[in-house]
Amino acid sequence: MIRVADSAKSKIDEIKSSGDIAEDFFIRVSVVSGGCSGLSYKMDFDNEDQDNDQVFEDQGIKIVTDLKSFLYLFDSTLEFSGGLDGKGFYFSNPNATRECGCGESFAV
């Protein structure tokens, strides 16, 4: 399961209500090689299903990931932090053994 925190739900709803993203789009998340800790999160809005998609819905937000990425994201929560020192969207990931200072990459 991948969960969505209230903070992330509010921001996603705000983005969708602005009209920049169609209502039928969902959040696609993947884990890619890179970053100072070895693995990085990639997150986009998407509306096309792929083979082997893993689909989750929490608080009315649909999150889709590929099977390989799900192994890294299992039991994670999508969060949002705004303000001057906010990180934007980020994951609270219990599988990460190390995260970089900026929070954009991790290791397992």
N, C-alpha and C. Protein backbone atom coordinates (compact mmCIF):
# COMPACT_ATOMS: atom_id res chain seq x y z
N MET A 1 0.84 -1.19 0.00
CA MET A 1 0.00 0.00 0.00
C MET A 1 0.88 1.24 0.00
N ILE A 2 0.47 2.23 -0.73
CA ILE A 2 1.07 3.56 -0.68
C ILE A 2 -0.03 4.51 -0.20
N ARG A 3 0.26 5.24 0.85
CA ARG A 3 -0.75 6.12 1.45
C ARG A 3 -0.52 7.58 1.03
N VAL A 4 -1.57 8.38 1.21
CA VAL A 4 -1.52 9.81 0.90
C VAL A 4 -1.86 10.58 2.17
N ALA A 5 -0.93 11.40 2.63
CA ALA A 5 -1.17 12.23 3.81
C ALA A 5 -2.15 13.36 3.46
N ASP A 6 -2.79 13.90 4.48
CA ASP A 6 -3.73 15.01 4.28
C ASP A 6 -3.06 16.17 3.54
N SER A 7 -1.81 16.45 3.88
CA SER A 7 -1.09 17.57 3.25
C SER A 7 -0.93 17.35 1.74
N ALA A 8 -0.60 16.12 1.33
CA ALA A 8 -0.44 15.81 -0.09
C ALA A 8 -1.78 15.83 -0.80
N LYS A 9 -2.82 15.29 -0.16
CA LYS A 9 -4.15 15.30 -0.77
C LYS A 9 -4.60 16.72 -1.04
N SER A 10 -4.41 17.60 -0.07
CA SER A 10 -4.82 19.01 -0.25
C SER A 10 -4.11 19.65 -1.42
N LYS A 11 -2.81 19.42 -1.53
CA LYS A 11 -2.04 20.03 -2.62
C LYS A 11 -2.43 19.44 -3.97
N ILE A 12 -2.64 18.13 -4.06
CA ILE A 12 -3.05 17.51 -5.31
C ILE A 12 -4.43 18.02 -5.73
N ASP A 13 -5.35 18.12 -4.77
CA ASP A 13 -6.68 18.67 -5.07
C ASP A 13 -6.57 20.11 -5.57
N GLU A 14 -5.69 20.88 -4.96
CA GLU A 14 -5.48 22.28 -5.38
C GLU A 14 -4.95 22.34 -6.81
N ILE A 15 -3.99 21.49 -7.15
CA ILE A 15 -3.43 21.47 -8.50
C ILE A 15 -4.50 21.08 -9.52
N LYS A 16 -5.29 20.06 -9.19
CA LYS A 16 -6.33 19.62 -10.11
C LYS A 16 -7.42 20.68 -10.26
N SER A 17 -7.78 21.37 -9.19
CA SER A 17 -8.85 22.37 -9.27
C SER A 17 -8.40 23.64 -10.01
N SER A 18 -7.09 23.81 -10.17
CA SER A 18 -6.58 24.98 -10.90
C SER A 18 -6.84 24.86 -12.40
N GLY A 19 -7.16 23.64 -12.86
CA GLY A 19 -7.43 23.43 -14.27
C GLY A 19 -6.20 23.06 -15.08
N ASP A 20 -5.03 23.05 -14.45
CA ASP A 20 -3.79 22.71 -15.17
C ASP A 20 -3.70 21.21 -15.46
N ILE A 21 -4.34 20.39 -14.63
CA ILE A 21 -4.32 18.94 -14.77
C ILE A 21 -5.77 18.46 -14.81
N ALA A 22 -6.09 17.61 -15.78
CA ALA A 22 -7.46 17.09 -15.91
C ALA A 22 -7.79 16.18 -14.73
N GLU A 23 -9.06 16.12 -14.39
CA GLU A 23 -9.52 15.32 -13.25
C GLU A 23 -9.24 13.83 -13.40
N ASP A 24 -9.15 13.32 -14.65
CA ASP A 24 -8.94 11.89 -14.84
C ASP A 24 -7.47 11.48 -14.72
N PHE A 25 -6.58 12.43 -14.48
CA PHE A 25 -5.16 12.10 -14.31
C PHE A 25 -4.91 11.56 -12.91
N PHE A 26 -3.94 10.69 -12.81
CA PHE A 26 -3.55 10.12 -11.52
C PHE A 26 -2.07 10.41 -11.29
N ILE A 27 -1.59 10.05 -10.11
CA ILE A 27 -0.18 10.25 -9.76
C ILE A 27 0.59 8.98 -10.14
N ARG A 28 1.61 9.13 -10.98
CA ARG A 28 2.50 8.01 -11.30
C ARG A 28 3.82 8.25 -10.57
N VAL A 29 4.22 7.24 -9.79
CA VAL A 29 5.44 7.31 -8.99
C VAL A 29 6.37 6.20 -9.42
N SER A 30 7.66 6.51 -9.52
CA SER A 30 8.65 5.48 -9.79
C SER A 30 9.92 5.78 -9.02
N VAL A 31 10.74 4.77 -8.91
CA VAL A 31 12.05 4.89 -8.28
C VAL A 31 13.07 4.66 -9.37
N VAL A 32 14.01 5.60 -9.52
CA VAL A 32 15.03 5.53 -10.55
C VAL A 32 16.41 5.64 -9.91
N SER A 33 17.42 5.15 -10.61
CA SER A 33 18.79 5.30 -10.13
C SER A 33 19.20 6.76 -10.21
N GLY A 34 19.91 7.21 -9.19
CA GLY A 34 20.42 8.58 -9.21
C GLY A 34 20.34 9.23 -7.85
N GLY A 35 20.80 10.44 -7.78
CA GLY A 35 20.81 11.18 -6.53
C GLY A 35 22.02 10.82 -5.70
N CYS A 36 22.27 11.59 -4.68
CA CYS A 36 23.47 11.38 -3.88
C CYS A 36 23.40 10.14 -3.00
N SER A 37 22.21 9.57 -2.81
CA SER A 37 22.10 8.34 -2.01
C SER A 37 21.88 7.09 -2.85
N GLY A 38 21.77 7.24 -4.16
CA GLY A 38 21.68 6.08 -5.04
C GLY A 38 20.36 5.87 -5.75
N LEU A 39 19.23 6.21 -5.10
CA LEU A 39 17.91 6.04 -5.69
C LEU A 39 17.12 7.34 -5.52
N SER A 40 16.32 7.68 -6.52
CA SER A 40 15.52 8.90 -6.46
C SER A 40 14.06 8.59 -6.79
N TYR A 41 13.18 9.41 -6.27
CA TYR A 41 11.76 9.30 -6.58
C TYR A 41 11.47 10.14 -7.82
N LYS A 42 10.57 9.64 -8.64
CA LYS A 42 10.08 10.40 -9.79
C LYS A 42 8.57 10.39 -9.70
N MET A 43 7.96 11.55 -9.81
CA MET A 43 6.51 11.65 -9.67
C MET A 43 5.97 12.57 -10.75
N ASP A 44 4.92 12.10 -11.45
CA ASP A 44 4.28 12.87 -12.51
C ASP A 44 2.78 12.62 -12.47
N PHE A 45 2.04 13.49 -13.14
CA PHE A 45 0.64 13.21 -13.41
C PHE A 45 0.59 12.43 -14.72
N ASP A 46 -0.31 11.45 -14.81
CA ASP A 46 -0.40 10.59 -15.98
C ASP A 46 -1.85 10.17 -16.15
N ASN A 47 -2.20 9.73 -17.35
CA ASN A 47 -3.55 9.19 -17.57
C ASN A 47 -3.53 7.94 -18.43
N GLU A 48 -2.34 7.33 -18.59
CA GLU A 48 -2.23 6.11 -19.38
C GLU A 48 -1.74 4.96 -18.51
N ASP A 49 -2.48 3.85 -18.56
CA ASP A 49 -2.09 2.66 -17.82
C ASP A 49 -0.95 1.95 -18.54
N GLN A 50 -0.08 1.31 -17.78
CA GLN A 50 1.04 0.54 -18.31
C GLN A 50 0.90 -0.91 -17.84
N ASP A 51 1.54 -1.83 -18.56
CA ASP A 51 1.57 -3.22 -18.12
C ASP A 51 2.23 -3.30 -16.75
N ASN A 52 1.75 -4.18 -15.91
CA ASN A 52 2.30 -4.42 -14.57
C ASN A 52 2.16 -3.24 -13.61
N ASP A 53 1.25 -2.31 -13.90
CA ASP A 53 0.99 -1.22 -12.95
C ASP A 53 0.43 -1.77 -11.65
N GLN A 54 0.88 -1.21 -10.57
CA GLN A 54 0.32 -1.47 -9.25
C GLN A 54 -0.50 -0.23 -8.89
N VAL A 55 -1.77 -0.41 -8.60
CA VAL A 55 -2.68 0.72 -8.42
C VAL A 55 -3.16 0.76 -6.97
N PHE A 56 -3.08 1.96 -6.39
CA PHE A 56 -3.53 2.18 -5.02
C PHE A 56 -4.39 3.43 -5.00
N GLU A 57 -5.34 3.45 -4.08
CA GLU A 57 -6.15 4.66 -3.90
C GLU A 57 -6.29 4.91 -2.41
N ASP A 58 -5.98 6.14 -2.03
CA ASP A 58 -6.11 6.55 -0.63
C ASP A 58 -6.64 7.97 -0.61
N GLN A 59 -7.65 8.22 0.18
CA GLN A 59 -8.27 9.53 0.31
C GLN A 59 -8.75 10.08 -1.04
N GLY A 60 -9.15 9.17 -1.94
CA GLY A 60 -9.65 9.59 -3.24
C GLY A 60 -8.55 9.93 -4.23
N ILE A 61 -7.30 9.71 -3.87
CA ILE A 61 -6.17 9.98 -4.76
C ILE A 61 -5.65 8.64 -5.29
N LYS A 62 -5.59 8.52 -6.60
CA LYS A 62 -5.10 7.30 -7.24
C LYS A 62 -3.59 7.43 -7.47
N ILE A 63 -2.84 6.46 -6.96
CA ILE A 63 -1.40 6.41 -7.14
C ILE A 63 -1.05 5.13 -7.87
N VAL A 64 -0.24 5.25 -8.92
CA VAL A 64 0.14 4.12 -9.75
C VAL A 64 1.66 4.03 -9.78
N THR A 65 2.18 2.82 -9.69
CA THR A 65 3.62 2.60 -9.77
C THR A 65 3.89 1.28 -10.47
N ASP A 66 5.09 1.15 -11.00
CA ASP A 66 5.47 -0.13 -11.60
C ASP A 66 5.85 -1.10 -10.48
N LEU A 67 5.89 -2.38 -10.79
CA LEU A 67 6.14 -3.41 -9.78
C LEU A 67 7.52 -3.25 -9.13
N LYS A 68 8.54 -2.97 -9.92
CA LYS A 68 9.89 -2.81 -9.36
C LYS A 68 9.93 -1.65 -8.36
N SER A 69 9.34 -0.52 -8.72
CA SER A 69 9.34 0.64 -7.83
C SER A 69 8.54 0.36 -6.56
N PHE A 70 7.46 -0.42 -6.70
CA PHE A 70 6.64 -0.71 -5.53
C PHE A 70 7.44 -1.44 -4.45
N LEU A 71 8.40 -2.26 -4.86
CA LEU A 71 9.23 -2.95 -3.87
C LEU A 71 9.97 -1.95 -2.97
N TYR A 72 10.32 -0.80 -3.50
CA TYR A 72 10.98 0.25 -2.71
C TYR A 72 9.98 1.14 -1.97
N LEU A 73 8.76 1.25 -2.51
CA LEU A 73 7.76 2.19 -1.98
C LEU A 73 6.75 1.55 -1.03
N PHE A 74 6.81 0.24 -0.85
CA PHE A 74 5.84 -0.45 -0.02
C PHE A 74 5.72 0.21 1.35
N ASP A 75 4.50 0.51 1.74
CA ASP A 75 4.17 1.07 3.05
C ASP A 75 4.63 2.52 3.23
N SER A 76 4.89 3.21 2.11
CA SER A 76 5.30 4.62 2.17
C SER A 76 4.09 5.53 2.17
N THR A 77 4.32 6.78 2.56
CA THR A 77 3.27 7.79 2.57
C THR A 77 3.74 9.01 1.78
N LEU A 78 2.93 9.43 0.81
CA LEU A 78 3.21 10.65 0.06
C LEU A 78 2.80 11.84 0.93
N GLU A 79 3.72 12.77 1.12
CA GLU A 79 3.49 13.94 1.96
C GLU A 79 3.76 15.20 1.16
N PHE A 80 3.35 16.34 1.71
CA PHE A 80 3.66 17.63 1.10
C PHE A 80 4.01 18.62 2.19
N SER A 81 5.07 19.37 1.96
CA SER A 81 5.48 20.41 2.89
C SER A 81 5.71 21.69 2.11
N GLY A 82 5.00 22.73 2.45
CA GLY A 82 5.14 24.00 1.74
C GLY A 82 5.86 25.03 2.59
N GLY A 83 5.79 26.26 2.18
CA GLY A 83 6.43 27.33 2.93
C GLY A 83 7.85 27.57 2.48
N LEU A 84 8.53 28.47 3.16
CA LEU A 84 9.89 28.85 2.77
C LEU A 84 10.89 27.71 2.86
N ASP A 85 10.75 26.87 3.86
CA ASP A 85 11.69 25.76 4.01
C ASP A 85 11.04 24.42 3.68
N GLY A 86 9.93 24.45 2.94
CA GLY A 86 9.23 23.23 2.59
C GLY A 86 9.94 22.43 1.52
N LYS A 87 9.68 21.14 1.49
CA LYS A 87 10.30 20.24 0.54
C LYS A 87 9.44 20.02 -0.71
N GLY A 88 8.19 20.46 -0.69
CA GLY A 88 7.27 20.08 -1.75
C GLY A 88 6.75 18.68 -1.46
N PHE A 89 6.53 17.89 -2.52
CA PHE A 89 6.12 16.51 -2.33
C PHE A 89 7.33 15.67 -1.93
N TYR A 90 7.11 14.75 -1.00
CA TYR A 90 8.17 13.84 -0.59
C TYR A 90 7.54 12.59 -0.01
N PHE A 91 8.35 11.55 0.15
CA PHE A 91 7.86 10.29 0.70
C PHE A 91 8.42 10.05 2.08
N SER A 92 7.56 9.64 2.98
CA SER A 92 7.97 9.09 4.26
C SER A 92 8.06 7.59 4.00
N ASN A 93 9.30 7.10 3.87
CA ASN A 93 9.53 5.74 3.40
C ASN A 93 10.23 4.91 4.48
N PRO A 94 9.52 3.98 5.10
CA PRO A 94 10.13 3.16 6.16
C PRO A 94 11.17 2.17 5.63
N ASN A 95 11.23 1.99 4.31
CA ASN A 95 12.19 1.07 3.72
C ASN A 95 13.56 1.70 3.51
N ALA A 96 13.63 3.03 3.55
CA ALA A 96 14.89 3.73 3.32
C ALA A 96 15.80 3.60 4.54
N THR A 97 17.02 3.19 4.29
CA THR A 97 18.00 3.09 5.38
C THR A 97 18.82 4.37 5.50
N ARG A 98 18.82 5.15 4.42
CA ARG A 98 19.56 6.42 4.41
C ARG A 98 18.88 7.36 3.42
N GLU A 99 18.80 8.64 3.77
CA GLU A 99 18.27 9.66 2.88
C GLU A 99 19.26 10.80 2.81
N CYS A 100 19.30 11.46 1.65
CA CYS A 100 20.19 12.61 1.54
C CYS A 100 19.57 13.80 2.27
N GLY A 101 20.33 14.83 2.47
CA GLY A 101 19.86 16.00 3.21
C GLY A 101 18.68 16.70 2.55
N CYS A 102 18.61 16.67 1.23
CA CYS A 102 17.50 17.35 0.54
C CYS A 102 16.25 16.50 0.50
N GLY A 103 16.36 15.20 0.82
CA GLY A 103 15.20 14.32 0.83
C GLY A 103 14.76 13.81 -0.51
N GLU A 104 15.54 14.07 -1.55
CA GLU A 104 15.16 13.64 -2.89
C GLU A 104 15.73 12.29 -3.30
N SER A 105 16.68 11.78 -2.53
CA SER A 105 17.22 10.46 -2.84
C SER A 105 17.36 9.65 -1.58
N PHE A 106 17.49 8.33 -1.77
CA PHE A 106 17.53 7.43 -0.61
C PHE A 106 18.28 6.16 -0.97
N ALA A 107 18.53 5.34 0.01
CA ALA A 107 19.15 4.04 -0.18
C ALA A 107 18.38 3.02 0.65
N VAL A 108 18.44 1.76 0.23
CA VAL A 108 17.81 0.68 0.99
C VAL A 108 18.85 -0.35 1.36
